[in-house]
Amino acid sequence: MNDPLPPCAAEACDQAELCPLNSVNAGTSVRIKQLSASPEVSNRLRELGFCEEQQVRVVSKQFNVICQVCHARLGLSQQLAETILVEPLPKSLKLEMA
């Protein structure tokens, strides 16, 4: 049997598994599950490699949300990050990025 995913790593997330990206703590690795921004913005994010099922790590969460994705860092506004739903990665799948 597969182990269930751990609860969301976000501090203020009401959902059991999915959370908006802007609620995830810095240093947490997650998998993108849904892009809920406008179609134009969602398509642009996908072009940059920020797409469904992509694994990313939240590097910093100050004014903007900085994520490590596809060997690059991508900065997102808090408002845009709120439209991106993610799930935490099980410990066995945590990203190993320097």
PDB file of N, CA and C in Angstrom:
ATOM      1  N   MET A   1       0.820  -1.191   0.000  1.00  0.00           N
ATOM      2  CA  MET A   1       0.000   0.000   0.000  1.00  0.00           C
ATOM      3  C   MET A   1       0.856   1.243   0.000  1.00  0.00           C
ATOM      4  N   ASN A   2       0.423   2.256  -0.701  1.00  0.00           N
ATOM      5  CA  ASN A   2       1.148   3.520  -0.723  1.00  0.00           C
ATOM      6  C   ASN A   2       0.851   4.309   0.527  1.00  0.00           C
ATOM      7  N   ASP A   3       1.886   4.969   1.047  1.00  0.00           N
ATOM      8  CA  ASP A   3       1.677   5.852   2.186  1.00  0.00           C
ATOM      9  C   ASP A   3       0.955   7.086   1.701  1.00  0.00           C
ATOM     10  N   PRO A   4      -0.010   7.578   2.487  1.00  0.00           N
ATOM     11  CA  PRO A   4      -0.681   8.815   2.076  1.00  0.00           C
ATOM     12  C   PRO A   4       0.286   9.980   2.133  1.00  0.00           C
ATOM     13  N   LEU A   5      -0.005  11.004   1.338  1.00  0.00           N
ATOM     14  CA  LEU A   5       0.836  12.196   1.353  1.00  0.00           C
ATOM     15  C   LEU A   5       0.701  12.896   2.692  1.00  0.00           C
ATOM     16  N   PRO A   6       1.762  13.547   3.142  1.00  0.00           N
ATOM     17  CA  PRO A   6       1.664  14.286   4.396  1.00  0.00           C
ATOM     18  C   PRO A   6       0.744  15.484   4.230  1.00  0.00           C
ATOM     19  N   PRO A   7       0.239  16.030   5.337  1.00  0.00           N
ATOM     20  CA  PRO A   7      -0.597  17.215   5.212  1.00  0.00           C
ATOM     21  C   PRO A   7       0.191  18.363   4.616  1.00  0.00           C
ATOM     22  N   CYS A   8      -0.517  19.338   4.139  1.00  0.00           N
ATOM     23  CA  CYS A   8       0.102  20.493   3.498  1.00  0.00           C
ATOM     24  C   CYS A   8       1.130  21.130   4.427  1.00  0.00           C
ATOM     25  N   ALA A   9       2.236  21.560   3.844  1.00  0.00           N
ATOM     26  CA  ALA A   9       3.312  22.172   4.614  1.00  0.00           C
ATOM     27  C   ALA A   9       3.041  23.633   4.926  1.00  0.00           C
ATOM     28  N   ALA A  10       1.948  24.144   4.450  1.00  0.00           N
ATOM     29  CA  ALA A  10       1.638  25.561   4.674  1.00  0.00           C
ATOM     30  C   ALA A  10       1.110  25.778   6.080  1.00  0.00           C
ATOM     31  N   GLU A  11       1.373  26.944   6.600  1.00  0.00           N
ATOM     32  CA  GLU A  11       0.926  27.276   7.944  1.00  0.00           C
ATOM     33  C   GLU A  11      -0.587  27.497   7.994  1.00  0.00           C
ATOM     34  N   ALA A  12      -1.147  28.148   6.989  1.00  0.00           N
ATOM     35  CA  ALA A  12      -2.543  28.551   7.050  1.00  0.00           C
ATOM     36  C   ALA A  12      -3.387  27.865   5.985  1.00  0.00           C
ATOM     37  N   CYS A  13      -3.074  26.649   5.651  1.00  0.00           N
ATOM     38  CA  CYS A  13      -3.798  25.954   4.594  1.00  0.00           C
ATOM     39  C   CYS A  13      -4.908  25.109   5.203  1.00  0.00           C
ATOM     40  N   ASP A  14      -6.130  25.256   4.694  1.00  0.00           N
ATOM     41  CA  ASP A  14      -7.264  24.498   5.200  1.00  0.00           C
ATOM     42  C   ASP A  14      -7.443  23.170   4.465  1.00  0.00           C
ATOM     43  N   GLN A  15      -6.757  22.982   3.352  1.00  0.00           N
ATOM     44  CA  GLN A  15      -6.923  21.772   2.567  1.00  0.00           C
ATOM     45  C   GLN A  15      -5.975  20.692   3.070  1.00  0.00           C
ATOM     46  N   ALA A  16      -6.394  19.439   2.941  1.00  0.00           N
ATOM     47  CA  ALA A  16      -5.595  18.331   3.453  1.00  0.00           C
ATOM     48  C   ALA A  16      -4.305  18.147   2.654  1.00  0.00           C
ATOM     49  N   GLU A  17      -4.360  18.286   1.340  1.00  0.00           N
ATOM     50  CA  GLU A  17      -3.178  17.999   0.536  1.00  0.00           C
ATOM     51  C   GLU A  17      -2.769  19.128  -0.399  1.00  0.00           C
ATOM     52  N   LEU A  18      -3.708  19.872  -0.942  1.00  0.00           N
ATOM     53  CA  LEU A  18      -3.375  20.938  -1.881  1.00  0.00           C
ATOM     54  C   LEU A  18      -3.382  22.291  -1.184  1.00  0.00           C
ATOM     55  N   CYS A  19      -2.400  23.108  -1.539  1.00  0.00           N
ATOM     56  CA  CYS A  19      -2.272  24.440  -0.953  1.00  0.00           C
ATOM     57  C   CYS A  19      -1.841  25.416  -2.030  1.00  0.00           C
ATOM     58  N   PRO A  20      -2.180  26.694  -1.869  1.00  0.00           N
ATOM     59  CA  PRO A  20      -1.618  27.693  -2.783  1.00  0.00           C
ATOM     60  C   PRO A  20      -0.118  27.817  -2.533  1.00  0.00           C
ATOM     61  N   LEU A  21       0.625  28.036  -3.578  1.00  0.00           N
ATOM     62  CA  LEU A  21       2.081  28.109  -3.487  1.00  0.00           C
ATOM     63  C   LEU A  21       2.545  29.189  -2.513  1.00  0.00           C
ATOM     64  N   ASN A  22       1.821  30.292  -2.418  1.00  0.00           N
ATOM     65  CA  ASN A  22       2.256  31.368  -1.534  1.00  0.00           C
ATOM     66  C   ASN A  22       2.080  31.023  -0.049  1.00  0.00           C
ATOM     67  N   SER A  23       1.458  29.886   0.267  1.00  0.00           N
ATOM     68  CA  SER A  23       1.291  29.459   1.653  1.00  0.00           C
ATOM     69  C   SER A  23       2.358  28.469   2.104  1.00  0.00           C
ATOM     70  N   VAL A  24       3.189  28.020   1.183  1.00  0.00           N
ATOM     71  CA  VAL A  24       4.200  27.009   1.494  1.00  0.00           C
ATOM     72  C   VAL A  24       5.440  27.676   2.075  1.00  0.00           C
ATOM     73  N   ASN A  25       6.013  27.069   3.097  1.00  0.00           N
ATOM     74  CA  ASN A  25       7.207  27.611   3.749  1.00  0.00           C
ATOM     75  C   ASN A  25       8.427  27.524   2.834  1.00  0.00           C
ATOM     76  N   ALA A  26       9.339  28.474   2.975  1.00  0.00           N
ATOM     77  CA  ALA A  26      10.613  28.440   2.247  1.00  0.00           C
ATOM     78  C   ALA A  26      11.351  27.153   2.609  1.00  0.00           C
ATOM     79  N   GLY A  27      12.002  26.552   1.626  1.00  0.00           N
ATOM     80  CA  GLY A  27      12.733  25.307   1.829  1.00  0.00           C
ATOM     81  C   GLY A  27      11.910  24.065   1.561  1.00  0.00           C
ATOM     82  N   THR A  28      10.621  24.218   1.269  1.00  0.00           N
ATOM     83  CA  THR A  28       9.736  23.086   1.035  1.00  0.00           C
ATOM     84  C   THR A  28       9.712  22.721  -0.445  1.00  0.00           C
ATOM     85  N   SER A  29       9.778  21.427  -0.730  1.00  0.00           N
ATOM     86  CA  SER A  29       9.649  20.934  -2.098  1.00  0.00           C
ATOM     87  C   SER A  29       8.208  20.499  -2.329  1.00  0.00           C
ATOM     88  N   VAL A  30       7.674  20.883  -3.484  1.00  0.00           N
ATOM     89  CA  VAL A  30       6.273  20.608  -3.803  1.00  0.00           C
ATOM     90  C   VAL A  30       6.142  20.196  -5.266  1.00  0.00           C
ATOM     91  N   ARG A  31       4.977  19.685  -5.602  1.00  0.00           N
ATOM     92  CA  ARG A  31       4.640  19.358  -6.993  1.00  0.00           C
ATOM     93  C   ARG A  31       3.462  20.238  -7.385  1.00  0.00           C
ATOM     94  N   ILE A  32       3.561  20.896  -8.527  1.00  0.00           N
ATOM     95  CA  ILE A  32       2.481  21.738  -9.025  1.00  0.00           C
ATOM     96  C   ILE A  32       1.347  20.838  -9.502  1.00  0.00           C
ATOM     97  N   LYS A  33       0.133  21.135  -9.046  1.00  0.00           N
ATOM     98  CA  LYS A  33      -1.029  20.342  -9.442  1.00  0.00           C
ATOM     99  C   LYS A  33      -1.999  21.112 -10.326  1.00  0.00           C
ATOM    100  N   GLN A  34      -2.094  22.445 -10.154  1.00  0.00           N
ATOM    101  CA  GLN A  34      -3.058  23.206 -10.947  1.00  0.00           C
ATOM    102  C   GLN A  34      -2.624  24.659 -11.065  1.00  0.00           C
ATOM    103  N   LEU A  35      -2.721  25.191 -12.284  1.00  0.00           N
ATOM    104  CA  LEU A  35      -2.491  26.610 -12.530  1.00  0.00           C
ATOM    105  C   LEU A  35      -3.860  27.253 -12.746  1.00  0.00           C
ATOM    106  N   SER A  36      -4.219  28.165 -11.860  1.00  0.00           N
ATOM    107  CA  SER A  36      -5.547  28.782 -11.920  1.00  0.00           C
ATOM    108  C   SER A  36      -5.506  30.243 -12.344  1.00  0.00           C
ATOM    109  N   ALA A  37      -4.405  30.688 -12.871  1.00  0.00           N
ATOM    110  CA  ALA A  37      -4.288  32.065 -13.363  1.00  0.00           C
ATOM    111  C   ALA A  37      -5.028  32.168 -14.700  1.00  0.00           C
ATOM    112  N   SER A  38      -5.029  33.341 -15.284  1.00  0.00           N
ATOM    113  CA  SER A  38      -5.658  33.512 -16.595  1.00  0.00           C
ATOM    114  C   SER A  38      -4.987  32.578 -17.603  1.00  0.00           C
ATOM    115  N   PRO A  39      -5.683  32.232 -18.678  1.00  0.00           N
ATOM    116  CA  PRO A  39      -5.075  31.343 -19.673  1.00  0.00           C
ATOM    117  C   PRO A  39      -3.752  31.872 -20.226  1.00  0.00           C
ATOM    118  N   GLU A  40      -3.656  33.177 -20.438  1.00  0.00           N
ATOM    119  CA  GLU A  40      -2.423  33.754 -20.975  1.00  0.00           C
ATOM    120  C   GLU A  40      -1.260  33.579 -19.995  1.00  0.00           C
ATOM    121  N   VAL A  41      -1.520  33.876 -18.732  1.00  0.00           N
ATOM    122  CA  VAL A  41      -0.475  33.759 -17.712  1.00  0.00           C
ATOM    123  C   VAL A  41      -0.119  32.290 -17.488  1.00  0.00           C
ATOM    124  N   SER A  42      -1.121  31.412 -17.428  1.00  0.00           N
ATOM    125  CA  SER A  42      -0.857  29.980 -17.238  1.00  0.00           C
ATOM    126  C   SER A  42      -0.015  29.430 -18.381  1.00  0.00           C
ATOM    127  N   ASN A  43      -0.321  29.836 -19.610  1.00  0.00           N
ATOM    128  CA  ASN A  43       0.461  29.376 -20.766  1.00  0.00           C
ATOM    129  C   ASN A  43       1.898  29.865 -20.681  1.00  0.00           C
ATOM    130  N   ARG A  44       2.085  31.101 -20.243  1.00  0.00           N
ATOM    131  CA  ARG A  44       3.444  31.647 -20.112  1.00  0.00           C
ATOM    132  C   ARG A  44       4.218  30.894 -19.034  1.00  0.00           C
ATOM    133  N   LEU A  45       3.578  30.588 -17.913  1.00  0.00           N
ATOM    134  CA  LEU A  45       4.237  29.807 -16.859  1.00  0.00           C
ATOM    135  C   LEU A  45       4.659  28.431 -17.391  1.00  0.00           C
ATOM    136  N   ARG A  46       3.782  27.808 -18.169  1.00  0.00           N
ATOM    137  CA  ARG A  46       4.120  26.496 -18.754  1.00  0.00           C
ATOM    138  C   ARG A  46       5.313  26.606 -19.697  1.00  0.00           C
ATOM    139  N   GLU A  47       5.375  27.676 -20.478  1.00  0.00           N
ATOM    140  CA  GLU A  47       6.514  27.889 -21.382  1.00  0.00           C
ATOM    141  C   GLU A  47       7.820  27.999 -20.599  1.00  0.00           C
ATOM    142  N   LEU A  48       7.748  28.532 -19.394  1.00  0.00           N
ATOM    143  CA  LEU A  48       8.937  28.690 -18.550  1.00  0.00           C
ATOM    144  C   LEU A  48       9.279  27.414 -17.773  1.00  0.00           C
ATOM    145  N   GLY A  49       8.479  26.351 -17.948  1.00  0.00           N
ATOM    146  CA  GLY A  49       8.726  25.096 -17.249  1.00  0.00           C
ATOM    147  C   GLY A  49       7.970  24.961 -15.945  1.00  0.00           C
ATOM    148  N   PHE A  50       7.136  25.933 -15.631  1.00  0.00           N
ATOM    149  CA  PHE A  50       6.381  25.949 -14.384  1.00  0.00           C
ATOM    150  C   PHE A  50       5.001  25.380 -14.689  1.00  0.00           C
ATOM    151  N   CYS A  51       4.908  24.048 -14.838  1.00  0.00           N
ATOM    152  CA  CYS A  51       3.683  23.418 -15.309  1.00  0.00           C
ATOM    153  C   CYS A  51       3.211  22.312 -14.364  1.00  0.00           C
ATOM    154  N   GLU A  52       2.026  21.790 -14.624  1.00  0.00           N
ATOM    155  CA  GLU A  52       1.448  20.735 -13.820  1.00  0.00           C
ATOM    156  C   GLU A  52       2.403  19.540 -13.746  1.00  0.00           C
ATOM    157  N   GLU A  53       2.487  18.956 -12.563  1.00  0.00           N
ATOM    158  CA  GLU A  53       3.326  17.804 -12.233  1.00  0.00           C
ATOM    159  C   GLU A  53       4.811  18.139 -12.116  1.00  0.00           C
ATOM    160  N   GLN A  54       5.194  19.378 -12.357  1.00  0.00           N
ATOM    161  CA  GLN A  54       6.594  19.797 -12.203  1.00  0.00           C
ATOM    162  C   GLN A  54       6.916  19.904 -10.712  1.00  0.00           C
ATOM    163  N   GLN A  55       8.078  19.413 -10.324  1.00  0.00           N
ATOM    164  CA  GLN A  55       8.538  19.543  -8.946  1.00  0.00           C
ATOM    165  C   GLN A  55       9.344  20.823  -8.806  1.00  0.00           C
ATOM    166  N   VAL A  56       9.033  21.585  -7.769  1.00  0.00           N
ATOM    167  CA  VAL A  56       9.736  22.837  -7.511  1.00  0.00           C
ATOM    168  C   VAL A  56      10.055  22.923  -6.022  1.00  0.00           C
ATOM    169  N   ARG A  57      11.008  23.789  -5.701  1.00  0.00           N
ATOM    170  CA  ARG A  57      11.344  24.046  -4.298  1.00  0.00           C
ATOM    171  C   ARG A  57      11.206  25.528  -4.052  1.00  0.00           C
ATOM    172  N   VAL A  58      10.505  25.884  -2.977  1.00  0.00           N
ATOM    173  CA  VAL A  58      10.369  27.283  -2.597  1.00  0.00           C
ATOM    174  C   VAL A  58      11.679  27.691  -1.932  1.00  0.00           C
ATOM    175  N   VAL A  59      12.398  28.614  -2.553  1.00  0.00           N
ATOM    176  CA  VAL A  59      13.708  29.045  -2.071  1.00  0.00           C
ATOM    177  C   VAL A  59      13.560  30.161  -1.052  1.00  0.00           C
ATOM    178  N   SER A  60      12.712  31.121  -1.361  1.00  0.00           N
ATOM    179  CA  SER A  60      12.550  32.293  -0.507  1.00  0.00           C
ATOM    180  C   SER A  60      11.115  32.762  -0.587  1.00  0.00           C
ATOM    181  N   LYS A  61      10.646  33.330   0.487  1.00  0.00           N
ATOM    182  CA  LYS A  61       9.285  33.843   0.511  1.00  0.00           C
ATOM    183  C   LYS A  61       9.273  35.146   1.302  1.00  0.00           C
ATOM    184  N   GLN A  62       9.743  36.184   0.678  1.00  0.00           N
ATOM    185  CA  GLN A  62       9.740  37.501   1.308  1.00  0.00           C
ATOM    186  C   GLN A  62       8.628  38.299   0.643  1.00  0.00           C
ATOM    187  N   PHE A  63       8.988  39.293  -0.127  1.00  0.00           N
ATOM    188  CA  PHE A  63       7.999  40.078  -0.860  1.00  0.00           C
ATOM    189  C   PHE A  63       7.426  39.253  -2.011  1.00  0.00           C
ATOM    190  N   ASN A  64       8.294  38.538  -2.731  1.00  0.00           N
ATOM    191  CA  ASN A  64       7.900  37.630  -3.808  1.00  0.00           C
ATOM    192  C   ASN A  64       8.200  36.200  -3.393  1.00  0.00           C
ATOM    193  N   VAL A  65       7.655  35.244  -4.140  1.00  0.00           N
ATOM    194  CA  VAL A  65       7.941  33.832  -3.916  1.00  0.00           C
ATOM    195  C   VAL A  65       8.974  33.421  -4.958  1.00  0.00           C
ATOM    196  N   ILE A  66      10.150  32.997  -4.494  1.00  0.00           N
ATOM    197  CA  ILE A  66      11.221  32.564  -5.395  1.00  0.00           C
ATOM    198  C   ILE A  66      11.257  31.037  -5.368  1.00  0.00           C
ATOM    199  N   CYS A  67      11.157  30.426  -6.555  1.00  0.00           N
ATOM    200  CA  CYS A  67      11.135  28.968  -6.665  1.00  0.00           C
ATOM    201  C   CYS A  67      12.277  28.477  -7.541  1.00  0.00           C
ATOM    202  N   GLN A  68      12.826  27.336  -7.178  1.00  0.00           N
ATOM    203  CA  GLN A  68      13.812  26.641  -8.010  1.00  0.00           C
ATOM    204  C   GLN A  68      13.028  25.694  -8.908  1.00  0.00           C
ATOM    205  N   VAL A  69      13.138  25.877 -10.224  1.00  0.00           N
ATOM    206  CA  VAL A  69      12.415  25.044 -11.191  1.00  0.00           C
ATOM    207  C   VAL A  69      13.294  24.874 -12.425  1.00  0.00           C
ATOM    208  N   CYS A  70      13.439  23.657 -12.890  1.00  0.00           N
ATOM    209  CA  CYS A  70      14.214  23.369 -14.102  1.00  0.00           C
ATOM    210  C   CYS A  70      15.609  24.004 -14.042  1.00  0.00           C
ATOM    211  N   HIS A  71      16.310  23.860 -12.952  1.00  0.00           N
ATOM    212  CA  HIS A  71      17.673  24.380 -12.759  1.00  0.00           C
ATOM    213  C   HIS A  71      17.757  25.895 -12.892  1.00  0.00           C
ATOM    214  N   ALA A  72      16.649  26.566 -12.640  1.00  0.00           N
ATOM    215  CA  ALA A  72      16.624  28.026 -12.670  1.00  0.00           C
ATOM    216  C   ALA A  72      15.744  28.510 -11.523  1.00  0.00           C
ATOM    217  N   ARG A  73      15.893  29.775 -11.196  1.00  0.00           N
ATOM    218  CA  ARG A  73      15.036  30.373 -10.179  1.00  0.00           C
ATOM    219  C   ARG A  73      14.033  31.283 -10.852  1.00  0.00           C
ATOM    220  N   LEU A  74      12.803  31.200 -10.386  1.00  0.00           N
ATOM    221  CA  LEU A  74      11.712  31.978 -10.960  1.00  0.00           C
ATOM    222  C   LEU A  74      11.025  32.733  -9.837  1.00  0.00           C
ATOM    223  N   GLY A  75      10.899  34.044  -9.986  1.00  0.00           N
ATOM    224  CA  GLY A  75      10.227  34.871  -8.989  1.00  0.00           C
ATOM    225  C   GLY A  75       8.782  35.119  -9.387  1.00  0.00           C
ATOM    226  N   LEU A  76       7.880  34.930  -8.435  1.00  0.00           N
ATOM    227  CA  LEU A  76       6.450  35.132  -8.657  1.00  0.00           C
ATOM    228  C   LEU A  76       5.912  36.100  -7.615  1.00  0.00           C
ATOM    229  N   SER A  77       4.946  36.906  -8.004  1.00  0.00           N
ATOM    230  CA  SER A  77       4.284  37.764  -7.022  1.00  0.00           C
ATOM    231  C   SER A  77       3.469  36.887  -6.077  1.00  0.00           C
ATOM    232  N   GLN A  78       3.173  37.433  -4.903  1.00  0.00           N
ATOM    233  CA  GLN A  78       2.325  36.708  -3.950  1.00  0.00           C
ATOM    234  C   GLN A  78       0.959  36.406  -4.570  1.00  0.00           C
ATOM    235  N   GLN A  79       0.417  37.351  -5.341  1.00  0.00           N
ATOM    236  CA  GLN A  79      -0.898  37.168  -5.958  1.00  0.00           C
ATOM    237  C   GLN A  79      -0.876  36.051  -6.995  1.00  0.00           C
ATOM    238  N   LEU A  80       0.167  35.997  -7.810  1.00  0.00           N
ATOM    239  CA  LEU A  80       0.268  34.933  -8.804  1.00  0.00           C
ATOM    240  C   LEU A  80       0.499  33.585  -8.118  1.00  0.00           C
ATOM    241  N   ALA A  81       1.363  33.555  -7.112  1.00  0.00           N
ATOM    242  CA  ALA A  81       1.636  32.306  -6.397  1.00  0.00           C
ATOM    243  C   ALA A  81       0.381  31.751  -5.734  1.00  0.00           C
ATOM    244  N   GLU A  82      -0.550  32.628  -5.385  1.00  0.00           N
ATOM    245  CA  GLU A  82      -1.798  32.182  -4.762  1.00  0.00           C
ATOM    246  C   GLU A  82      -2.669  31.404  -5.743  1.00  0.00           C
ATOM    247  N   THR A  83      -2.486  31.603  -7.044  1.00  0.00           N
ATOM    248  CA  THR A  83      -3.292  30.917  -8.056  1.00  0.00           C
ATOM    249  C   THR A  83      -2.710  29.563  -8.448  1.00  0.00           C
ATOM    250  N   ILE A  84      -1.596  29.184  -7.850  1.00  0.00           N
ATOM    251  CA  ILE A  84      -0.928  27.931  -8.183  1.00  0.00           C
ATOM    252  C   ILE A  84      -1.108  26.958  -7.032  1.00  0.00           C
ATOM    253  N   LEU A  85      -1.845  25.863  -7.278  1.00  0.00           N
ATOM    254  CA  LEU A  85      -2.067  24.866  -6.234  1.00  0.00           C
ATOM    255  C   LEU A  85      -1.001  23.791  -6.313  1.00  0.00           C
ATOM    256  N   VAL A  86      -0.462  23.429  -5.161  1.00  0.00           N
ATOM    257  CA  VAL A  86       0.635  22.462  -5.090  1.00  0.00           C
ATOM    258  C   VAL A  86       0.341  21.420  -4.023  1.00  0.00           C
ATOM    259  N   GLU A  87       1.082  20.314  -4.096  1.00  0.00           N
ATOM    260  CA  GLU A  87       1.040  19.301  -3.045  1.00  0.00           C
ATOM    261  C   GLU A  87       2.461  19.075  -2.558  1.00  0.00           C
ATOM    262  N   PRO A  88       2.636  18.805  -1.267  1.00  0.00           N
ATOM    263  CA  PRO A  88       3.976  18.532  -0.757  1.00  0.00           C
ATOM    264  C   PRO A  88       4.478  17.200  -1.304  1.00  0.00           C
ATOM    265  N   LEU A  89       5.784  17.095  -1.469  1.00  0.00           N
ATOM    266  CA  LEU A  89       6.382  15.847  -1.929  1.00  0.00           C
ATOM    267  C   LEU A  89       6.631  14.936  -0.739  1.00  0.00           C
ATOM    268  N   PRO A  90       6.396  13.630  -0.898  1.00  0.00           N
ATOM    269  CA  PRO A  90       6.782  12.704   0.163  1.00  0.00           C
ATOM    270  C   PRO A  90       8.285  12.790   0.389  1.00  0.00           C
ATOM    271  N   LYS A  91       8.742  12.501   1.582  1.00  0.00           N
ATOM    272  CA  LYS A  91      10.160  12.651   1.918  1.00  0.00           C
ATOM    273  C   LYS A  91      11.062  11.886   0.956  1.00  0.00           C
ATOM    274  N   SER A  92      10.621  10.739   0.461  1.00  0.00           N
ATOM    275  CA  SER A  92      11.445   9.945  -0.449  1.00  0.00           C
ATOM    276  C   SER A  92      11.629  10.612  -1.807  1.00  0.00           C
ATOM    277  N   LEU A  93      10.807  11.617  -2.130  1.00  0.00           N
ATOM    278  CA  LEU A  93      10.888  12.304  -3.414  1.00  0.00           C
ATOM    279  C   LEU A  93      11.385  13.732  -3.310  1.00  0.00           C
ATOM    280  N   LYS A  94      11.884  14.131  -2.156  1.00  0.00           N
ATOM    281  CA  LYS A  94      12.343  15.519  -1.981  1.00  0.00           C
ATOM    282  C   LYS A  94      13.431  15.841  -3.004  1.00  0.00           C
ATOM    283  N   LEU A  95      13.378  17.045  -3.512  1.00  0.00           N
ATOM    284  CA  LEU A  95      14.353  17.480  -4.497  1.00  0.00           C
ATOM    285  C   LEU A  95      15.717  17.657  -3.841  1.00  0.00           C
ATOM    286  N   GLU A  96      16.745  17.296  -4.544  1.00  0.00           N
ATOM    287  CA  GLU A  96      18.100  17.499  -4.066  1.00  0.00           C
ATOM    288  C   GLU A  96      18.738  18.567  -4.925  1.00  0.00           C
ATOM    289  N   MET A  97      18.521  19.823  -4.557  1.00  0.00           N
ATOM    290  CA  MET A  97      19.060  20.936  -5.326  1.00  0.00           C
ATOM    291  C   MET A  97      20.008  21.717  -4.442  1.00  0.00           C
ATOM    292  N   ALA A  98      21.124  22.110  -5.026  1.00  0.00           N
ATOM    293  CA  ALA A  98      22.093  22.913  -4.263  1.00  0.00           C
ATOM    294  C   ALA A  98      21.792  24.373  -4.418  1.00  0.00           C
TER     295      ALA A  98
END
